[in-house]
């Protein structure tokens, strides 16, 4: 039982490190996009399209 708890803690620590790294990459990406006005338009259109598509799927059920 103690071995299982240790393995779970190790796994959670690894997941925490992965989540932290991914959030760092996302932050850098958002900063880059916000700093480049030409990137803002296509990314904004993509995000709006994705939101409309997801809303349509959820409402259509």
N, C-alpha and C. Protein backbone atom coordinates (compact mmCIF):
# COMPACT_ATOMS: atom_id res chain seq x y z
N UNK A 1 0.83 -1.20 0.00
CA UNK A 1 0.00 0.00 0.00
C UNK A 1 0.87 1.26 0.00
N UNK A 2 1.91 1.26 0.80
CA UNK A 2 2.81 2.40 0.88
C UNK A 2 3.52 2.63 -0.45
N UNK A 3 3.84 1.52 -1.14
CA UNK A 3 4.51 1.62 -2.44
C UNK A 3 3.57 2.27 -3.46
N UNK A 4 2.29 1.92 -3.41
CA UNK A 4 1.30 2.49 -4.32
C UNK A 4 1.17 4.00 -4.10
N UNK A 5 1.13 4.43 -2.86
CA UNK A 5 1.03 5.86 -2.55
C UNK A 5 2.26 6.60 -3.07
N UNK A 6 3.42 6.02 -2.94
CA UNK A 6 4.65 6.64 -3.43
C UNK A 6 4.61 6.77 -4.95
N UNK A 7 4.11 5.74 -5.64
CA UNK A 7 4.02 5.80 -7.10
C UNK A 7 3.00 6.84 -7.55
N UNK A 8 1.90 6.95 -6.84
CA UNK A 8 0.89 7.96 -7.18
C UNK A 8 1.47 9.36 -6.98
N UNK A 9 2.20 9.57 -5.89
CA UNK A 9 2.81 10.87 -5.64
C UNK A 9 3.82 11.23 -6.73
N UNK A 10 4.60 10.25 -7.15
CA UNK A 10 5.57 10.48 -8.22
C UNK A 10 4.87 10.84 -9.52
N UNK A 11 3.78 10.12 -9.82
CA UNK A 11 3.02 10.40 -11.04
C UNK A 11 2.41 11.79 -11.00
N UNK A 12 1.85 12.17 -9.85
CA UNK A 12 1.25 13.50 -9.73
C UNK A 12 2.30 14.59 -9.85
N UNK A 13 3.48 14.36 -9.29
CA UNK A 13 4.56 15.33 -9.43
C UNK A 13 4.94 15.50 -10.90
N UNK A 14 5.03 14.38 -11.62
CA UNK A 14 5.37 14.43 -13.05
C UNK A 14 4.30 15.18 -13.84
N UNK A 15 3.03 14.89 -13.54
CA UNK A 15 1.94 15.59 -14.22
C UNK A 15 1.98 17.09 -13.92
N UNK A 16 2.32 17.44 -12.69
CA UNK A 16 2.42 18.85 -12.33
C UNK A 16 3.51 19.56 -13.10
N UNK A 17 4.65 18.89 -13.28
CA UNK A 17 5.74 19.48 -14.04
C UNK A 17 5.36 19.64 -15.51
N UNK A 18 4.67 18.64 -16.06
CA UNK A 18 4.24 18.72 -17.46
C UNK A 18 3.25 19.86 -17.63
N UNK A 19 2.27 19.97 -16.71
CA UNK A 19 1.27 21.04 -16.78
C UNK A 19 1.94 22.41 -16.70
N UNK A 20 2.90 22.55 -15.81
CA UNK A 20 3.61 23.82 -15.66
C UNK A 20 4.34 24.19 -16.95
N UNK A 21 4.99 23.22 -17.58
CA UNK A 21 5.72 23.48 -18.82
C UNK A 21 4.77 23.85 -19.95
N UNK A 22 3.65 23.13 -20.06
CA UNK A 22 2.68 23.43 -21.11
C UNK A 22 2.11 24.84 -20.93
N UNK A 23 1.80 25.21 -19.68
CA UNK A 23 1.28 26.55 -19.43
C UNK A 23 2.32 27.62 -19.76
N UNK A 24 3.60 27.31 -19.55
CA UNK A 24 4.67 28.24 -19.92
C UNK A 24 4.70 28.44 -21.44
N UNK A 25 4.57 27.34 -22.20
CA UNK A 25 4.54 27.42 -23.66
C UNK A 25 3.33 28.21 -24.14
N UNK A 26 2.18 27.96 -23.54
CA UNK A 26 0.96 28.67 -23.92
C UNK A 26 1.12 30.16 -23.63
N UNK A 27 1.69 30.48 -22.49
CA UNK A 27 1.93 31.88 -22.15
C UNK A 27 2.84 32.56 -23.16
N UNK A 28 3.90 31.89 -23.54
CA UNK A 28 4.81 32.45 -24.55
C UNK A 28 4.10 32.64 -25.89
N UNK A 29 3.27 31.67 -26.26
CA UNK A 29 2.53 31.75 -27.52
C UNK A 29 1.56 32.93 -27.51
N UNK A 30 0.83 33.08 -26.42
CA UNK A 30 -0.14 34.18 -26.31
C UNK A 30 0.58 35.53 -26.33
N UNK A 31 1.71 35.60 -25.66
CA UNK A 31 2.49 36.85 -25.67
C UNK A 31 2.97 37.18 -27.08
N UNK A 32 3.42 36.19 -27.81
CA UNK A 32 3.89 36.40 -29.18
C UNK A 32 2.74 36.85 -30.07
N UNK A 33 1.60 36.19 -29.96
CA UNK A 33 0.45 36.54 -30.80
C UNK A 33 -0.04 37.95 -30.46
N UNK A 34 -0.12 38.28 -29.18
CA UNK A 34 -0.59 39.60 -28.78
C UNK A 34 0.38 40.70 -29.22
N UNK A 35 1.65 40.36 -29.34
CA UNK A 35 2.65 41.34 -29.74
C UNK A 35 2.73 41.56 -31.23
N UNK A 36 2.11 40.69 -32.01
CA UNK A 36 2.15 40.79 -33.48
C UNK A 36 0.73 41.00 -33.99
N UNK A 37 0.35 42.21 -34.31
CA UNK A 37 -1.02 42.48 -34.75
C UNK A 37 -1.46 41.66 -35.96
N UNK A 38 -0.53 41.33 -36.85
CA UNK A 38 -0.91 40.53 -38.02
C UNK A 38 -1.29 39.10 -37.65
N UNK A 39 -0.74 38.59 -36.57
CA UNK A 39 -1.11 37.25 -36.11
C UNK A 39 -2.44 37.26 -35.37
N UNK A 40 -2.80 38.40 -34.83
CA UNK A 40 -4.01 38.50 -34.03
C UNK A 40 -5.27 38.21 -34.85
N UNK A 41 -5.33 38.66 -36.08
CA UNK A 41 -6.51 38.49 -36.92
C UNK A 41 -6.78 37.02 -37.25
N UNK A 42 -5.84 36.28 -37.84
CA UNK A 42 -6.15 34.88 -38.16
C UNK A 42 -6.39 34.02 -36.92
N UNK A 43 -5.66 34.28 -35.86
CA UNK A 43 -5.86 33.50 -34.64
C UNK A 43 -7.22 33.83 -34.04
N UNK A 44 -7.61 35.09 -34.07
CA UNK A 44 -8.92 35.48 -33.57
C UNK A 44 -10.05 34.83 -34.37
N UNK A 45 -9.91 34.79 -35.68
CA UNK A 45 -10.92 34.15 -36.53
C UNK A 45 -11.00 32.66 -36.22
N UNK A 46 -9.86 32.03 -36.03
CA UNK A 46 -9.83 30.60 -35.71
C UNK A 46 -10.53 30.34 -34.37
N UNK A 47 -10.23 31.14 -33.37
CA UNK A 47 -10.81 30.94 -32.04
C UNK A 47 -12.32 31.15 -32.09
N UNK A 48 -12.77 32.20 -32.76
CA UNK A 48 -14.21 32.46 -32.88
C UNK A 48 -14.89 31.31 -33.61
N UNK A 49 -14.28 30.81 -34.67
CA UNK A 49 -14.85 29.67 -35.40
C UNK A 49 -14.93 28.42 -34.54
N UNK A 50 -13.90 28.18 -33.75
CA UNK A 50 -13.90 27.01 -32.86
C UNK A 50 -15.00 27.13 -31.81
N UNK A 51 -15.17 28.32 -31.26
CA UNK A 51 -16.22 28.53 -30.24
C UNK A 51 -17.60 28.34 -30.86
N UNK A 52 -17.81 28.87 -32.05
CA UNK A 52 -19.11 28.71 -32.72
C UNK A 52 -19.36 27.25 -33.04
N UNK A 53 -18.34 26.54 -33.50
CA UNK A 53 -18.49 25.12 -33.80
C UNK A 53 -18.83 24.30 -32.56
N UNK A 54 -18.14 24.55 -31.47
CA UNK A 54 -18.43 23.82 -30.23
C UNK A 54 -19.81 24.16 -29.69
N UNK A 55 -20.19 25.43 -29.77
CA UNK A 55 -21.51 25.83 -29.29
C UNK A 55 -22.59 25.17 -30.15
N UNK A 56 -22.37 25.10 -31.44
CA UNK A 56 -23.34 24.46 -32.33
C UNK A 56 -23.51 22.99 -32.01
N UNK A 57 -22.42 22.32 -31.70
CA UNK A 57 -22.51 20.90 -31.34
C UNK A 57 -23.24 20.69 -30.02
N UNK A 58 -22.96 21.57 -29.05
CA UNK A 58 -23.62 21.43 -27.75
C UNK A 58 -25.10 21.78 -27.82
N UNK A 59 -25.45 22.81 -28.58
CA UNK A 59 -26.85 23.22 -28.71
C UNK A 59 -27.63 22.21 -29.55
N UNK A 60 -26.98 21.63 -30.53
CA UNK A 60 -27.64 20.69 -31.43
C UNK A 60 -28.05 19.38 -30.77
N UNK A 61 -27.58 19.11 -29.60
CA UNK A 61 -27.91 17.83 -28.95
C UNK A 61 -29.27 17.85 -28.36
